[in-house]
PDB file of N, CA and C in Angstrom:
ATOM      1  N   UNK A   1      12.440  -3.733  -1.938  1.00  0.00           N
ATOM      2  CA  UNK A   1      13.120  -2.347  -0.178  1.00  0.00           C
ATOM      3  C   UNK A   1      13.070  -1.784  -1.249  1.00  0.00           C
ATOM      4  N   UNK A   2      13.246  -0.144  -1.085  1.00  0.00           N
ATOM      5  CA  UNK A   2      13.542   1.184  -1.132  1.00  0.00           C
ATOM      6  C   UNK A   2      15.031   1.791  -0.673  1.00  0.00           C
ATOM      7  N   UNK A   3      15.474   2.263  -0.811  1.00  0.00           N
ATOM      8  CA  UNK A   3      16.728   2.886  -0.346  1.00  0.00           C
ATOM      9  C   UNK A   3      15.845   4.820  -0.242  1.00  0.00           C
ATOM     10  N   UNK A   4      15.551   4.880   0.541  1.00  0.00           N
ATOM     11  CA  UNK A   4      14.726   6.165  -0.046  1.00  0.00           C
ATOM     12  C   UNK A   4      16.378   7.412  -0.547  1.00  0.00           C
ATOM     13  N   UNK A   5      17.534   6.862   0.167  1.00  0.00           N
ATOM     14  CA  UNK A   5      17.781   8.298   0.486  1.00  0.00           C
ATOM     15  C   UNK A   5      18.921   8.031  -0.451  1.00  0.00           C
ATOM     16  N   UNK A   6      18.622   7.357  -1.257  1.00  0.00           N
ATOM     17  CA  UNK A   6      18.460   7.091  -3.345  1.00  0.00           C
ATOM     18  C   UNK A   6      17.556   7.722  -4.010  1.00  0.00           C
ATOM     19  N   UNK A   7      16.094   7.593  -3.323  1.00  0.00           N
ATOM     20  CA  UNK A   7      15.713   7.174  -4.715  1.00  0.00           C
ATOM     21  C   UNK A   7      15.859   9.269  -5.225  1.00  0.00           C
ATOM     22  N   UNK A   8      15.098   8.996  -6.054  1.00  0.00           N
ATOM     23  CA  UNK A   8      14.748  10.355  -7.342  1.00  0.00           C
ATOM     24  C   UNK A   8      13.009  10.437  -7.056  1.00  0.00           C
ATOM     25  N   UNK A   9      12.209   9.726  -6.788  1.00  0.00           N
ATOM     26  CA  UNK A   9      11.867  10.077  -6.684  1.00  0.00           C
ATOM     27  C   UNK A   9      10.449   9.891  -8.743  1.00  0.00           C
ATOM     28  N   UNK A  10      11.795   9.417  -9.110  1.00  0.00           N
ATOM     29  CA  UNK A  10      11.165  10.248 -10.631  1.00  0.00           C
ATOM     30  C   UNK A  10      10.444   9.596 -10.928  1.00  0.00           C
ATOM     31  N   UNK A  11       9.946   7.735 -10.433  1.00  0.00           N
ATOM     32  CA  UNK A  11       9.103   6.835 -11.715  1.00  0.00           C
ATOM     33  C   UNK A  11       8.869   5.496 -12.503  1.00  0.00           C
ATOM     34  N   UNK A  12       9.698   5.962 -12.265  1.00  0.00           N
ATOM     35  CA  UNK A  12      10.763   4.745 -13.265  1.00  0.00           C
ATOM     36  C   UNK A  12      10.552   3.791 -13.280  1.00  0.00           C
ATOM     37  N   UNK A  13      10.510   3.217 -11.649  1.00  0.00           N
ATOM     38  CA  UNK A  13       9.666   1.267 -11.649  1.00  0.00           C
ATOM     39  C   UNK A  13       8.178   1.773 -11.510  1.00  0.00           C
ATOM     40  N   UNK A  14       7.400   2.538 -10.977  1.00  0.00           N
ATOM     41  CA  UNK A  14       5.890   2.197 -10.956  1.00  0.00           C
ATOM     42  C   UNK A  14       6.033   2.082 -12.856  1.00  0.00           C
ATOM     43  N   UNK A  15       6.746   3.266 -14.022  1.00  0.00           N
ATOM     44  CA  UNK A  15       5.804   2.548 -14.739  1.00  0.00           C
ATOM     45  C   UNK A  15       6.183   1.143 -15.837  1.00  0.00           C
ATOM     46  N   UNK A  16       7.158   0.291 -14.955  1.00  0.00           N
ATOM     47  CA  UNK A  16       7.682  -1.078 -15.554  1.00  0.00           C
ATOM     48  C   UNK A  16       6.504  -1.556 -14.467  1.00  0.00           C
ATOM     49  N   UNK A  17       6.118  -1.861 -13.352  1.00  0.00           N
ATOM     50  CA  UNK A  17       5.439  -2.513 -12.583  1.00  0.00           C
ATOM     51  C   UNK A  17       4.242  -2.887 -13.336  1.00  0.00           C
ATOM     52  N   UNK A  18       4.227  -4.532 -14.093  1.00  0.00           N
ATOM     53  CA  UNK A  18       2.587  -4.501 -14.081  1.00  0.00           C
ATOM     54  C   UNK A  18       2.296  -5.126 -13.642  1.00  0.00           C
ATOM     55  N   UNK A  19       2.640  -5.594 -11.969  1.00  0.00           N
ATOM     56  CA  UNK A  19       1.791  -5.340 -11.398  1.00  0.00           C
ATOM     57  C   UNK A  19       1.023  -4.624 -10.703  1.00  0.00           C
ATOM     58  N   UNK A  20       0.861  -3.119 -10.873  1.00  0.00           N
ATOM     59  CA  UNK A  20      -0.351  -1.914 -10.624  1.00  0.00           C
ATOM     60  C   UNK A  20       0.913  -2.508  -8.587  1.00  0.00           C
ATOM     61  N   UNK A  21       1.621  -2.011  -8.298  1.00  0.00           N
ATOM     62  CA  UNK A  21       2.674  -2.650  -6.828  1.00  0.00           C
ATOM     63  C   UNK A  21       3.309  -1.425  -6.077  1.00  0.00           C
ATOM     64  N   UNK A  22       3.406  -0.344  -7.221  1.00  0.00           N
ATOM     65  CA  UNK A  22       4.744   1.009  -6.371  1.00  0.00           C
ATOM     66  C   UNK A  22       3.240   2.122  -6.840  1.00  0.00           C
ATOM     67  N   UNK A  23       3.674   2.977  -5.805  1.00  0.00           N
ATOM     68  CA  UNK A  23       2.499   4.535  -6.136  1.00  0.00           C
ATOM     69  C   UNK A  23       3.876   5.358  -5.937  1.00  0.00           C
ATOM     70  N   UNK A  24       3.208   6.229  -6.567  1.00  0.00           N
ATOM     71  CA  UNK A  24       4.398   7.098  -6.286  1.00  0.00           C
ATOM     72  C   UNK A  24       4.145   8.565  -6.181  1.00  0.00           C
ATOM     73  N   UNK A  25       4.969   8.347  -4.134  1.00  0.00           N
ATOM     74  CA  UNK A  25       3.631   9.738  -3.816  1.00  0.00           C
ATOM     75  C   UNK A  25       4.397  10.764  -3.322  1.00  0.00           C
ATOM     76  N   UNK A  26       4.547  11.949  -3.557  1.00  0.00           N
ATOM     77  CA  UNK A  26       5.248  13.113  -3.116  1.00  0.00           C
ATOM     78  C   UNK A  26       6.509  12.357  -1.769  1.00  0.00           C
ATOM     79  N   UNK A  27       7.233  13.062  -2.162  1.00  0.00           N
ATOM     80  CA  UNK A  27       8.343  12.111  -1.589  1.00  0.00           C
ATOM     81  C   UNK A  27       8.256  11.160  -0.506  1.00  0.00           C
ATOM     82  N   UNK A  28       7.991  10.499  -1.369  1.00  0.00           N
ATOM     83  CA  UNK A  28       8.125   8.643  -0.765  1.00  0.00           C
ATOM     84  C   UNK A  28       7.304   7.351  -2.037  1.00  0.00           C
ATOM     85  N   UNK A  29       7.466   6.609  -2.307  1.00  0.00           N
ATOM     86  CA  UNK A  29       7.253   5.089  -3.021  1.00  0.00           C
ATOM     87  C   UNK A  29       6.870   4.246  -2.054  1.00  0.00           C
ATOM     88  N   UNK A  30       5.259   3.665  -2.347  1.00  0.00           N
ATOM     89  CA  UNK A  30       5.523   2.776  -2.145  1.00  0.00           C
ATOM     90  C   UNK A  30       5.203   1.429  -2.476  1.00  0.00           C
ATOM     91  N   UNK A  31       5.915  -0.128  -1.997  1.00  0.00           N
ATOM     92  CA  UNK A  31       5.290  -1.127  -2.664  1.00  0.00           C
ATOM     93  C   UNK A  31       4.593  -2.104  -1.652  1.00  0.00           C
ATOM     94  N   UNK A  32       3.805  -1.704  -2.571  1.00  0.00           N
ATOM     95  CA  UNK A  32       2.840  -2.812  -1.960  1.00  0.00           C
ATOM     96  C   UNK A  32       3.230  -4.513  -2.712  1.00  0.00           C
ATOM     97  N   UNK A  33       2.813  -4.923  -0.803  1.00  0.00           N
ATOM     98  CA  UNK A  33       3.883  -6.400  -1.028  1.00  0.00           C
ATOM     99  C   UNK A  33       2.247  -6.999  -1.720  1.00  0.00           C
ATOM    100  N   UNK A  34       1.632  -6.444  -1.344  1.00  0.00           N
ATOM    101  CA  UNK A  34       1.286  -7.647  -1.531  1.00  0.00           C
ATOM    102  C   UNK A  34       0.607  -7.726  -3.341  1.00  0.00           C
ATOM    103  N   UNK A  35       1.053  -6.901  -3.953  1.00  0.00           N
ATOM    104  CA  UNK A  35       0.065  -7.119  -5.497  1.00  0.00           C
ATOM    105  C   UNK A  35       1.652  -7.256  -5.895  1.00  0.00           C
ATOM    106  N   UNK A  36       3.219  -7.005  -5.610  1.00  0.00           N
ATOM    107  CA  UNK A  36       3.990  -6.888  -6.008  1.00  0.00           C
ATOM    108  C   UNK A  36       4.664  -9.058  -5.976  1.00  0.00           C
ATOM    109  N   UNK A  37       4.823  -9.868  -7.362  1.00  0.00           N
ATOM    110  CA  UNK A  37       5.293 -10.130  -7.915  1.00  0.00           C
ATOM    111  C   UNK A  37       6.931 -11.291  -7.707  1.00  0.00           C
ATOM    112  N   UNK A  38       7.482 -10.499  -7.245  1.00  0.00           N
ATOM    113  CA  UNK A  38       8.818  -9.963  -7.549  1.00  0.00           C
ATOM    114  C   UNK A  38      10.155  -9.523  -8.602  1.00  0.00           C
ATOM    115  N   UNK A  39       9.195  -9.866  -9.960  1.00  0.00           N
ATOM    116  CA  UNK A  39       9.706  -9.950 -10.851  1.00  0.00           C
ATOM    117  C   UNK A  39      11.500  -9.132 -11.660  1.00  0.00           C
ATOM    118  N   UNK A  40      11.693  -7.879 -11.208  1.00  0.00           N
ATOM    119  CA  UNK A  40      13.024  -7.608 -10.855  1.00  0.00           C
ATOM    120  C   UNK A  40      12.646  -6.198 -11.450  1.00  0.00           C
ATOM    121  N   UNK A  41      11.422  -6.087 -11.971  1.00  0.00           N
ATOM    122  CA  UNK A  41      12.106  -4.981 -13.327  1.00  0.00           C
ATOM    123  C   UNK A  41      11.427  -3.840 -13.075  1.00  0.00           C
ATOM    124  N   UNK A  42      11.540  -2.721 -11.884  1.00  0.00           N
ATOM    125  CA  UNK A  42      11.433  -1.975 -11.156  1.00  0.00           C
ATOM    126  C   UNK A  42      12.796  -1.834 -11.064  1.00  0.00           C
ATOM    127  N   UNK A  43      13.956  -2.579 -10.451  1.00  0.00           N
ATOM    128  CA  UNK A  43      14.813  -2.839 -10.121  1.00  0.00           C
ATOM    129  C   UNK A  43      16.066  -2.455 -11.518  1.00  0.00           C
ATOM    130  N   UNK A  44      15.462  -3.691 -12.639  1.00  0.00           N
ATOM    131  CA  UNK A  44      16.554  -2.825 -13.952  1.00  0.00           C
ATOM    132  C   UNK A  44      15.720  -1.544 -14.001  1.00  0.00           C
ATOM    133  N   UNK A  45      15.118  -0.858 -13.458  1.00  0.00           N
ATOM    134  CA  UNK A  45      14.449   0.327 -14.819  1.00  0.00           C
ATOM    135  C   UNK A  45      15.404   1.238 -13.548  1.00  0.00           C
ATOM    136  N   UNK A  46      15.492   1.126 -12.254  1.00  0.00           N
ATOM    137  CA  UNK A  46      15.927   2.150 -11.636  1.00  0.00           C
ATOM    138  C   UNK A  46      16.892   2.568 -11.911  1.00  0.00           C
ATOM    139  N   UNK A  47      17.284   4.264 -12.235  1.00  0.00           N
ATOM    140  CA  UNK A  47      18.636   4.810 -12.553  1.00  0.00           C
ATOM    141  C   UNK A  47      19.574   4.869 -11.253  1.00  0.00           C
ATOM    142  N   UNK A  48      19.286   5.193 -10.184  1.00  0.00           N
ATOM    143  CA  UNK A  48      19.913   5.286  -9.031  1.00  0.00           C
ATOM    144  C   UNK A  48      19.722   3.536  -8.575  1.00  0.00           C
ATOM    145  N   UNK A  49      19.395   2.150  -8.222  1.00  0.00           N
ATOM    146  CA  UNK A  49      19.227   1.291  -7.409  1.00  0.00           C
ATOM    147  C   UNK A  49      19.130   1.640  -6.011  1.00  0.00           C
ATOM    148  N   UNK A  50      18.323   2.271  -6.380  1.00  0.00           N
ATOM    149  CA  UNK A  50      17.253   2.234  -5.283  1.00  0.00           C
ATOM    150  C   UNK A  50      16.536   0.937  -4.505  1.00  0.00           C
ATOM    151  N   UNK A  51      16.807   0.489  -4.803  1.00  0.00           N
ATOM    152  CA  UNK A  51      15.417  -0.105  -4.916  1.00  0.00           C
ATOM    153  C   UNK A  51      16.060  -1.965  -4.927  1.00  0.00           C
ATOM    154  N   UNK A  52      15.879  -2.665  -4.217  1.00  0.00           N
ATOM    155  CA  UNK A  52      16.340  -4.004  -4.064  1.00  0.00           C
ATOM    156  C   UNK A  52      15.114  -5.679  -2.728  1.00  0.00           C
ATOM    157  N   UNK A  53      14.967  -6.449  -3.482  1.00  0.00           N
ATOM    158  CA  UNK A  53      14.545  -7.122  -3.355  1.00  0.00           C
ATOM    159  C   UNK A  53      14.489  -7.866  -2.182  1.00  0.00           C
ATOM    160  N   UNK A  54      15.875  -6.704  -1.079  1.00  0.00           N
ATOM    161  CA  UNK A  54      15.860  -8.162   0.117  1.00  0.00           C
ATOM    162  C   UNK A  54      14.325  -7.237   0.812  1.00  0.00           C
TER     163      UNK A  54
END
């Protein structure tokens, strides 16, 4: 889950995603739920805590 109002669109989450499930678009982050393995690496990489597994 992405908390859009916190997200800075920095791409840190996409950079660590081993499943290539995160796409950084202009003013939007898209997570492909079918590809996501729920490993949590993106949550740890996010500098503003804009991601969660909920």
